[in-house]
Protein backbone atom coordinates (compact mmCIF):
# COMPACT_ATOMS: atom_id res chain seq x y z
CA MET A 1 88.39 121.77 93.34
CA SER A 2 90.42 124.41 95.16
CA GLN A 3 93.86 123.23 96.23
CA ALA A 4 93.69 125.92 98.93
CA LEU A 5 91.00 123.95 100.77
CA LEU A 6 93.25 120.91 100.86
CA THR A 7 96.09 122.78 102.56
CA LEU A 8 93.98 124.21 105.38
CA THR A 9 94.82 122.94 108.83
CA ALA A 10 92.01 121.84 111.11
CA THR A 11 92.54 124.97 113.18
CA GLN A 12 92.13 127.17 110.11
CA MET A 13 89.04 125.25 108.99
CA LEU A 14 87.35 125.70 112.34
CA GLN A 15 87.87 129.45 112.26
CA GLN A 16 86.31 129.66 108.80
CA PHE A 17 83.42 127.39 109.78
CA ARG A 18 82.69 129.71 112.70
CA ASP A 19 82.80 132.91 110.67
CA GLY A 20 80.74 131.40 107.86
CA THR A 21 83.30 131.77 105.07
CA LEU A 22 83.59 128.01 104.62
CA SER A 23 81.32 125.03 105.21
CA PRO A 24 82.11 121.47 106.30
CA VAL A 25 80.41 120.22 103.13
CA GLN A 26 82.75 122.24 100.90
CA VAL A 27 85.83 120.89 102.65
CA THR A 28 84.56 117.32 102.71
CA GLU A 29 83.68 117.35 99.02
CA ALA A 30 87.14 118.68 98.18
CA MET A 31 88.83 115.92 100.17
CA LEU A 32 86.67 113.18 98.71
CA ALA A 33 87.63 114.50 95.27
CA GLN A 34 91.30 114.45 96.26
CA ILE A 35 90.97 110.83 97.33
CA GLN A 36 89.38 110.01 93.97
CA ARG A 37 92.14 111.88 92.14
CA LEU A 38 95.22 110.54 93.93
CA ASP A 39 94.59 107.37 95.90
CA HIS A 40 95.27 105.03 93.00
CA HIS A 41 98.90 106.14 93.42
CA THR A 42 99.12 105.42 97.15
CA ASN A 43 96.33 103.03 98.19
CA ALA A 44 95.98 104.94 101.46
CA TRP A 45 92.30 104.02 101.82
CA CYS A 46 90.65 100.63 102.20
CA LEU A 47 87.12 102.03 102.58
CA VAL A 48 85.58 105.26 101.28
CA ASP A 49 81.83 105.82 101.57
CA PRO A 50 81.02 109.31 100.23
CA ASP A 51 77.29 109.11 100.98
CA THR A 52 77.80 108.41 104.68
CA THR A 53 80.65 110.91 104.95
CA LEU A 54 78.55 113.67 103.39
CA GLU A 55 75.70 112.91 105.80
CA TYR A 56 78.05 113.75 108.66
CA ALA A 57 79.24 116.89 106.86
CA ARG A 58 75.69 118.12 106.22
CA ALA A 59 74.74 117.54 109.85
CA SER A 60 77.73 119.60 110.92
CA GLU A 61 76.86 122.36 108.46
CA ALA A 62 73.34 122.49 109.92
CA ARG A 63 74.74 122.89 113.43
CA TYR A 64 76.88 125.83 112.35
CA ARG A 65 73.86 127.44 110.69
CA LYS A 66 72.03 127.21 113.99
CA GLY A 67 75.03 128.69 115.80
CA ALA A 68 75.45 125.53 117.85
CA PRO A 69 78.62 123.66 116.80
CA GLN A 70 79.34 120.45 118.68
CA GLY A 71 82.58 120.00 120.58
CA LEU A 72 86.12 120.88 119.56
CA ILE A 73 86.39 119.79 115.92
CA ASP A 74 82.87 120.04 114.50
CA GLY A 75 82.99 119.61 110.73
CA VAL A 76 86.66 118.64 110.46
CA PRO A 77 87.25 115.59 108.25
CA VAL A 78 89.20 112.75 109.90
CA ALA A 79 90.83 109.64 108.42
CA VAL A 80 90.38 106.55 110.63
CA LYS A 81 92.94 103.76 110.60
CA ASP A 82 91.20 100.44 110.05
CA VAL A 83 91.96 99.09 113.50
CA PHE A 84 89.50 101.45 115.22
CA LEU A 85 85.90 100.30 115.54
CA THR A 86 83.43 102.48 113.66
CA PRO A 87 79.71 101.72 114.08
CA MET A 88 78.76 102.33 110.42
CA TRP A 89 81.74 100.68 108.76
CA PRO A 90 83.45 97.29 109.29
CA THR A 91 86.88 97.09 110.92
CA VAL A 92 88.88 94.25 109.40
CA LYS A 93 92.48 95.27 110.23
CA GLY A 94 93.75 94.31 106.78
CA SER A 95 92.76 90.68 107.40
CA ARG A 96 90.62 88.08 105.70
CA VAL A 97 90.03 86.26 108.99
CA ILE A 98 87.82 88.91 110.62
CA ASP A 99 84.07 88.78 109.99
CA PRO A 100 83.23 92.34 108.91
CA ASP A 101 79.66 92.15 110.22
CA SER A 102 80.87 91.22 113.70
CA THR A 103 82.53 94.62 114.08
CA LEU A 104 79.57 96.83 113.14
CA GLY A 105 77.68 98.92 115.70
CA LYS A 106 80.74 99.34 117.94
CA ARG A 107 82.94 102.36 118.68
CA SER A 108 86.51 102.55 119.84
CA PRO A 109 87.05 105.21 122.53
CA CYS A 110 88.85 107.45 120.04
CA VAL A 111 85.97 107.19 117.59
CA ALA A 112 83.42 107.85 120.34
CA ALA A 113 85.36 110.97 121.39
CA LEU A 114 85.58 112.18 117.79
CA GLU A 115 81.82 111.65 117.38
CA ARG A 116 81.08 113.67 120.53
CA ASN A 117 83.15 116.48 119.03
CA GLY A 118 81.43 116.58 115.67
CA TYR A 119 83.99 114.98 113.37
CA VAL A 120 83.34 114.05 109.74
CA PRO A 121 84.68 110.50 109.12
CA LEU A 122 86.26 110.27 105.67
CA GLY A 123 86.72 106.49 105.62
CA LYS A 124 89.11 103.81 106.81
CA THR A 125 92.84 103.89 106.05
CA THR A 126 95.01 100.91 105.25
CA THR A 127 97.09 98.94 107.70
CA PRO A 128 99.19 95.77 107.53
CA GLU A 129 97.38 92.76 108.93
CA PHE A 130 96.67 93.41 112.63
CA GLY A 131 99.05 96.41 112.40
CA TRP A 132 102.00 94.08 112.87
CA LYS A 133 104.86 95.73 110.95
CA GLY A 134 106.60 98.97 110.03
CA VAL A 135 105.38 98.99 106.41
CA THR A 136 101.82 98.85 105.14
CA ASP A 137 100.70 95.91 103.03
CA SER A 138 98.27 93.09 103.65
CA PRO A 139 96.73 90.12 101.84
CA LEU A 140 93.35 91.87 101.92
CA CYS A 141 94.10 95.49 101.02
CA GLY A 142 97.37 95.41 99.09
CA THR A 143 100.33 97.77 99.39
CA THR A 144 100.36 101.41 100.48
CA ASN A 145 102.88 103.57 98.65
CA ASN A 146 104.72 106.72 99.63
CA PRO A 147 103.19 110.04 98.52
CA TRP A 148 106.68 111.40 97.76
CA ASP A 149 107.45 108.52 95.40
CA PRO A 150 104.91 105.71 94.87
CA THR A 151 107.71 103.22 94.15
CA LEU A 152 108.66 103.53 97.84
CA THR A 153 106.94 102.50 101.06
CA ALA A 154 104.81 104.86 103.13
CA GLY A 155 105.99 103.08 106.28
CA GLY A 156 103.61 101.52 108.77
CA SER A 157 101.64 100.39 110.34
CA SER A 158 99.66 103.64 110.07
CA GLY A 159 100.89 104.13 106.51
CA GLY A 160 97.46 104.84 105.06
CA SER A 161 96.79 107.60 107.59
CA ALA A 162 100.19 109.22 106.95
CA ALA A 163 99.81 109.18 103.16
CA ALA A 164 96.30 110.61 103.44
CA VAL A 165 97.42 113.58 105.54
CA ALA A 166 100.45 114.28 103.34
CA LEU A 167 98.32 114.47 100.20
CA GLY A 168 95.56 116.68 101.63
CA MET A 169 93.07 113.81 101.81
CA GLY A 170 92.29 114.82 105.39
CA PRO A 171 93.82 117.23 107.93
CA LEU A 172 93.54 114.80 110.86
CA ALA A 173 94.06 111.05 111.06
CA LEU A 174 93.98 108.35 113.70
CA GLY A 175 96.97 106.07 114.12
CA THR A 176 98.27 103.44 116.48
CA ASP A 177 101.84 102.84 117.60
CA ALA A 178 103.19 99.70 119.31
CA GLY A 179 106.74 99.97 117.98
CA GLY A 180 106.78 103.13 115.92
CA SER A 181 103.63 102.77 113.82
CA ILE A 182 102.66 106.45 114.06
CA ARG A 183 106.17 107.88 113.93
CA ILE A 184 107.62 105.65 111.17
CA PRO A 185 105.10 106.64 108.48
CA ALA A 186 105.04 110.23 109.77
CA ALA A 187 108.78 110.42 109.09
CA PHE A 188 108.63 108.66 105.70
CA CYS A 189 105.68 110.76 104.49
CA GLY A 190 106.74 114.12 105.94
CA ILE A 191 103.93 114.77 108.44
CA THR A 192 103.54 115.21 112.21
CA GLY A 193 102.69 112.24 114.42
CA LEU A 194 102.50 111.81 118.20
CA LYS A 195 102.75 108.64 120.23
CA PRO A 196 101.24 109.96 123.47
CA THR A 197 102.24 108.73 126.89
CA CYS A 198 100.98 105.20 127.38
CA SER A 199 97.42 105.27 128.85
CA GLU A 200 96.91 108.97 128.08
CA VAL A 201 94.50 108.08 125.25
CA PRO A 202 91.89 105.44 126.19
CA HIS A 203 92.04 102.30 124.05
CA TRP A 204 89.44 99.52 123.73
CA PRO A 205 89.28 96.65 123.03
CA ALA A 206 92.64 96.04 124.66
CA SER A 207 95.41 95.66 122.12
CA PRO A 208 96.98 92.19 121.78
CA PHE A 209 100.30 94.08 122.01
CA GLY A 210 99.41 95.17 125.54
CA SER A 211 100.88 98.35 126.93
CA LEU A 212 103.29 98.65 123.99
CA ALA A 213 100.31 99.96 122.02
CA HIS A 214 99.33 103.63 121.93
CA ALA A 215 96.64 105.46 119.97
CA GLY A 216 97.36 108.98 118.79
CA PRO A 217 97.01 111.81 116.28
CA MET A 218 98.61 112.15 112.86
CA THR A 219 98.37 115.66 111.39
CA TRP A 220 100.07 118.25 109.22
CA THR A 221 101.07 120.60 112.07
CA VAL A 222 101.90 120.32 115.74
CA GLU A 223 99.06 122.72 116.51
CA ASP A 224 96.56 120.34 114.93
CA CYS A 225 98.20 117.47 116.81
CA ALA A 226 97.55 119.28 120.10
CA LEU A 227 93.97 120.03 119.08
CA MET A 228 93.28 116.40 118.20
CA LEU A 229 94.90 115.15 121.40
CA ASN A 230 92.46 117.33 123.36
CA VAL A 231 89.69 115.23 121.82
CA LEU A 232 91.30 111.80 122.04
CA CYS A 233 92.14 112.17 125.73
CA GLU A 234 88.50 112.32 126.77
CA ALA A 235 87.61 109.71 129.39
CA ASP A 236 86.19 106.34 128.45
CA PRO A 237 85.27 103.82 131.18
CA ARG A 238 85.96 100.81 128.96
CA ASP A 239 89.75 101.26 129.29
CA SER A 240 90.44 100.19 132.86
CA GLN A 241 94.17 100.90 132.41
CA ALA A 242 93.75 104.51 131.25
CA ALA A 243 95.43 107.18 133.33
CA PRO A 244 93.14 109.42 135.38
CA ARG A 245 91.93 112.31 133.27
CA ARG A 246 93.94 115.47 133.92
CA TYR A 247 91.83 117.75 131.70
CA ILE A 248 94.85 119.37 130.11
CA ASP A 249 94.30 121.75 127.21
CA TYR A 250 97.24 120.87 124.98
CA LEU A 251 96.78 124.09 123.01
CA GLN A 252 97.30 126.17 126.14
CA GLY A 253 100.91 127.32 126.30
CA LEU A 254 101.77 125.67 122.99
CA ASP A 255 103.56 128.82 121.81
CA ASP A 256 105.55 129.38 125.01
CA GLY A 257 108.80 128.29 123.39
CA ILE A 258 111.71 126.28 124.76
CA ARG A 259 113.96 128.95 126.28
CA GLY A 260 115.70 127.62 129.37
CA LEU A 261 114.96 123.95 128.72
CA ARG A 262 117.78 121.45 129.10
CA VAL A 263 117.72 119.27 125.97
CA ALA A 264 119.69 116.10 125.27
CA PHE A 265 120.68 115.53 121.67
CA SER A 266 121.59 112.00 120.60
CA PRO A 267 121.94 111.41 116.86
CA SER A 268 122.65 107.69 117.29
CA LEU A 269 121.60 106.63 120.83
CA GLY A 270 125.21 105.43 121.00
CA TYR A 271 124.68 102.35 118.83
CA VAL A 272 122.73 103.18 115.64
CA ASP A 273 124.29 103.63 112.19
CA VAL A 274 122.60 106.73 110.76
CA HIS A 275 122.65 107.97 107.17
CA PRO A 276 124.91 111.05 106.88
CA ASP A 277 122.07 113.20 105.49
CA ILE A 278 119.99 112.43 108.55
CA GLU A 279 122.84 113.10 110.95
CA LYS A 280 123.44 116.43 109.23
CA ALA A 281 119.77 117.38 109.51
CA LEU A 282 119.75 116.54 113.22
CA ASN A 283 122.82 118.67 113.83
CA GLU A 284 120.97 121.57 112.22
CA VAL A 285 118.01 120.90 114.53
CA ALA A 286 120.29 121.10 117.55
CA SER A 287 121.62 124.46 116.33
CA VAL A 288 118.08 125.83 115.95
CA PHE A 289 117.11 124.64 119.43
CA ARG A 290 120.15 126.49 120.81
CA GLU A 291 119.13 129.63 118.91
CA LEU A 292 115.67 129.32 120.49
CA GLY A 293 117.21 129.47 123.95
CA ALA A 294 117.45 125.82 124.96
CA GLU A 295 120.60 124.39 126.49
CA VAL A 296 121.42 121.54 124.12
CA VAL A 297 123.89 118.87 125.22
CA GLU A 298 125.03 116.05 122.94
CA VAL A 299 124.71 112.99 125.14
CA ASP A 300 123.47 109.42 124.77
CA PRO A 301 120.98 107.93 127.24
CA SER A 302 123.46 105.05 127.78
CA PHE A 303 121.25 102.05 127.24
CA SER A 304 121.98 99.12 124.96
CA ASP A 305 119.68 98.21 122.10
CA PRO A 306 116.54 96.60 123.64
CA LEU A 307 115.65 94.86 120.36
CA ALA A 308 115.49 91.34 121.81
CA ALA A 309 113.22 92.36 124.69
CA PHE A 310 111.00 94.33 122.34
CA GLY A 311 110.82 91.36 119.96
CA HIS A 312 109.70 88.99 122.70
CA LEU A 313 106.96 91.34 123.85
CA PHE A 314 105.82 92.56 120.42
CA TYR A 315 105.84 89.22 118.62
CA GLY A 316 104.36 87.66 121.72
CA GLY A 317 101.53 90.12 121.15
CA ALA A 318 101.18 88.91 117.58
CA ALA A 319 100.96 85.33 118.84
CA ASN A 320 98.36 86.48 121.36
CA ALA A 321 96.27 88.04 118.56
CA MET A 322 96.27 84.71 116.71
CA ARG A 323 95.96 82.31 119.62
CA ASP A 324 92.46 81.09 118.68
CA LEU A 325 92.84 81.00 114.90
CA SER A 326 92.67 77.66 113.10
CA ALA A 327 95.24 76.45 110.60
CA ARG A 328 92.70 77.13 107.85
CA LYS A 329 92.44 80.78 108.85
CA ARG A 330 96.18 81.16 109.30
CA ALA A 331 96.61 80.02 105.71
CA LEU A 332 94.71 83.16 104.64
CA MET A 333 97.04 85.49 106.49
CA ASP A 334 100.32 87.31 105.84
CA PRO A 335 102.79 84.39 106.00
CA ASN A 336 105.44 86.53 107.69
CA LEU A 337 103.01 87.45 110.46
CA VAL A 338 102.16 83.78 110.92
CA SER A 339 105.86 82.93 111.04
CA VAL A 340 106.81 85.45 113.73
CA ALA A 341 103.74 84.60 115.78
CA GLU A 342 104.44 80.85 115.68
CA LYS A 343 108.04 81.48 116.67
CA ALA A 344 106.97 83.71 119.56
CA SER A 345 104.47 81.12 120.75
CA GLN A 346 107.45 78.92 121.63
CA LEU A 347 108.84 81.44 124.13
CA SER A 348 108.77 80.37 127.76
CA MET A 349 107.27 82.34 130.62
CA LEU A 350 110.81 83.08 131.81
CA ASP A 351 111.68 84.44 128.35
CA TYR A 352 108.71 86.75 128.61
CA LEU A 353 109.47 87.83 132.17
CA GLY A 354 113.08 88.45 131.24
CA ALA A 355 111.86 90.87 128.58
CA VAL A 356 109.60 92.52 131.15
CA ASN A 357 112.61 92.92 133.46
CA GLU A 358 114.61 94.59 130.69
CA ARG A 359 111.70 96.85 129.93
CA MET A 360 111.44 97.93 133.55
CA ALA A 361 115.18 98.61 133.73
CA LEU A 362 115.02 100.74 130.58
CA SER A 363 112.06 102.69 131.96
CA GLU A 364 113.96 103.37 135.18
CA ARG A 365 117.06 104.47 133.27
CA MET A 366 115.07 106.94 131.18
CA ALA A 367 113.24 108.27 134.23
CA VAL A 368 116.61 109.07 135.84
CA PHE A 369 117.91 110.50 132.54
CA HIS A 370 115.01 112.93 132.48
CA THR A 371 115.86 114.26 135.92
CA LYS A 372 118.75 115.95 134.09
CA TYR A 373 117.18 116.62 130.68
CA ASP A 374 113.71 117.91 129.88
CA LEU A 375 113.72 116.48 126.36
CA LEU A 376 115.64 114.06 124.16
CA LEU A 377 116.14 114.72 120.44
CA THR A 378 116.89 111.85 118.05
CA PRO A 379 116.21 111.03 114.43
CA THR A 380 112.88 109.29 114.01
CA LEU A 381 114.54 106.79 111.66
CA PRO A 382 118.13 106.20 110.52
CA ILE A 383 117.11 105.86 106.85
CA THR A 384 114.66 107.35 104.36
CA ALA A 385 111.86 105.44 102.65
CA PHE A 386 112.81 102.35 100.65
CA GLU A 387 111.24 100.16 97.97
CA THR A 388 107.54 99.50 98.41
CA GLY A 389 106.23 96.00 99.03
CA ARG A 390 109.22 95.00 101.17
CA GLU A 391 109.51 94.59 104.94
CA VAL A 392 113.15 95.73 104.96
CA PRO A 393 115.36 97.58 102.45
CA ARG A 394 116.97 95.53 99.73
CA ASP A 395 120.23 93.88 100.93
CA TRP A 396 119.40 94.71 104.55
CA PRO A 397 121.23 92.41 106.99
CA SER A 398 118.01 91.34 108.76
CA THR A 399 114.65 90.15 107.49
CA ARG A 400 112.50 91.82 110.18
CA TRP A 401 111.33 95.44 110.28
CA PRO A 402 112.35 96.53 113.83
CA THR A 403 116.02 96.37 112.83
CA TRP A 404 115.62 99.59 110.80
CA THR A 405 113.46 101.37 113.43
CA PRO A 406 115.89 101.48 116.38
CA PHE A 407 114.84 104.98 117.52
CA THR A 408 111.14 104.23 117.88
CA TYR A 409 110.53 100.96 119.76
CA PRO A 410 112.61 101.82 122.88
CA PHE A 411 110.01 104.45 123.76
CA ASN A 412 107.15 102.02 123.39
CA LEU A 413 108.91 99.98 126.05
CA THR A 414 109.19 103.02 128.33
CA GLY A 415 105.75 104.44 127.52
CA GLN A 416 107.11 107.98 127.06
CA PRO A 417 105.56 110.55 124.72
CA ALA A 418 107.41 110.77 121.41
CA LEU A 419 106.66 113.18 118.57
CA SER A 420 107.90 112.94 114.98
CA VAL A 421 108.06 116.16 112.98
CA PRO A 422 109.60 116.78 109.55
CA CYS A 423 113.06 118.35 109.69
CA GLY A 424 114.08 118.63 106.05
CA LEU A 425 114.83 116.53 103.00
CA ALA A 426 117.69 114.14 102.33
CA SER A 427 119.82 114.44 99.19
CA ASN A 428 117.45 111.94 97.52
CA GLY A 429 114.56 114.40 98.04
CA LEU A 430 112.79 112.33 100.69
CA PRO A 431 111.60 113.54 104.11
CA ILE A 432 113.61 113.19 107.31
CA GLY A 433 111.93 112.98 110.71
CA LEU A 434 112.99 114.51 114.02
CA GLN A 435 111.86 112.64 117.14
CA ILE A 436 111.24 114.61 120.35
CA VAL A 437 110.92 112.46 123.49
CA GLY A 438 109.80 113.66 126.91
CA ARG A 439 109.09 112.43 130.40
CA ARG A 440 105.98 110.33 130.91
CA PHE A 441 102.86 112.50 130.96
CA GLU A 442 104.73 115.56 129.72
CA ASP A 443 103.10 115.39 126.30
CA ALA A 444 102.42 119.12 126.50
CA LEU A 445 106.14 119.91 126.72
CA VAL A 446 106.93 117.59 123.79
CA LEU A 447 104.27 119.33 121.71
CA ARG A 448 105.58 122.74 122.79
CA ALA A 449 109.05 121.84 121.55
CA GLY A 450 107.64 120.58 118.26
CA GLN A 451 105.68 123.79 117.86
CA ALA A 452 108.80 125.88 118.53
CA TRP A 453 110.64 123.93 115.82
CA GLN A 454 107.85 124.29 113.25
CA LYS A 455 107.51 128.03 113.92
CA ALA A 456 111.27 128.48 113.55
CA ARG A 457 111.49 126.31 110.42
CA PRO A 458 108.14 126.43 108.61
CA ASP A 459 109.96 125.45 105.41
CA THR A 460 110.21 121.89 106.71
CA LEU A 461 106.46 121.43 106.11
CA ARG A 462 106.37 120.59 102.41
CA ARG A 463 103.71 118.84 100.38
CA PRO A 464 104.87 115.94 98.20
CA PRO A 465 105.23 116.67 94.46
CA LEU A 466 102.29 114.34 93.81
CA PHE A 467 100.02 116.78 95.67
CA ASP A 468 100.31 119.36 92.87
CA ASP A 469 101.02 117.35 89.74
CA THR A 470 100.34 113.68 89.05
CA ARG A 471 101.86 113.56 85.57
CA ALA A 472 105.34 112.54 86.73
CA PHE A 473 103.80 109.62 88.67
CA ASP A 474 101.13 108.37 86.30
CA ASN A 475 103.29 105.49 85.09
CA ALA A 476 105.13 104.89 88.36
CA SER A 477 105.24 101.56 90.12
CA PRO A 478 102.99 99.41 87.90
CA ALA A 479 103.99 96.40 90.00
CA ALA A 480 102.82 98.11 93.17
CA ARG A 481 99.51 99.08 91.57
CA THR A 482 99.03 95.51 90.37
CA ALA A 483 99.68 94.28 93.91
CA ASN A 484 97.12 96.75 95.22
CA GLN A 485 94.49 95.60 92.74
CA GLU A 486 95.17 91.92 93.47
CA GLY A 487 95.11 92.51 97.23
CA ALA A 488 91.80 94.32 97.05
CA ALA A 489 90.21 91.71 94.81
């Protein structure tokens, strides 16, 4: 197996498919072998079906031989988070309470768009039950570990997708994000992840988390993120809340740079305690943005922590997802998910509407803020990855995950586009994420800024040590591997 194949971006693959120097089957076989070689360390995948995957790859190869590739990403392997409906594979969302057969023969809009564009589905990636938390473990599929250190968490809820991309198990992956679930694992695993503007990517069936939930791309580079967004934004009539299609090519103008932009830089949002390594990295980002010609102003958006409002809406969504489940089924589920859902089910309508009011006020504040500033830069997270199998770091003052993700969930409330890109390593050797936030529906500008950063600092894109050499990790985290085996049993 050539390691070089595993480091190709989707954009590079497509060029080589077109000129005949590489085939989709070669790439797919290499990635299936990488999954076989490494996934026992991370548990990024809950379903791999090589026979079906290779059928897609061979069909793509035949199209290239005929000179008739299909769509924008023909032949590119894609990892699919196990919350998206795939017609050939069950979608169980990390849960024992979903009948796998009931999900077959159906396609989520993202999957339908990927099919129209010739993708090669690699399998389904792990998620916590119903995608409910910022780490990835479930009673059904076990625990997903970090590719930089398998004793640590990959983050969540799209932790399987992030670990897969980081380790060269696929250049593109699907994720969802209702409170940070694309950006959290992107930051912990050192990859690129975009939460698009709410309603920019069609989503069906409707998420129980309502308009907090976004579907989006998880990739190695910003360029691949833009390419994948071009596919995911295709219209789908099943999402009645989707924004009208604007037919934007997100690759167009991606390299135009950020000269002249007015950029707000807020390392703490005015209320977050941030690790000194992360604050230092963000200060370096601000310096690079200035060197690239942006006017960077250190300023906070001046809103208070919307944690309580987010909790009412998000955990209310969890209760909504479980509203029809019997006590017998609930006994099969993640007990912490059951606990937060039962607590949220006691909220009154006025509690809920109060959270809606706070959400609206925050959205208005950020809309006014962006009349002055084109972009907002923050850390993606205030900490680096912590011990696997835990919802919060050891000795953390709270038991619930949103308390350590204060930079992500505010922008689910506002629906703004938010991109996480790697911006260096902390002193412990773990990745740090930069979050770039823009006005609603200015996803192209957010991607352009991310591209400018990655072109200026290509050294921030680093593969985990596990990618090259497994020997240092072969005996790591036996407890985590045992949990994985028990969860999958």
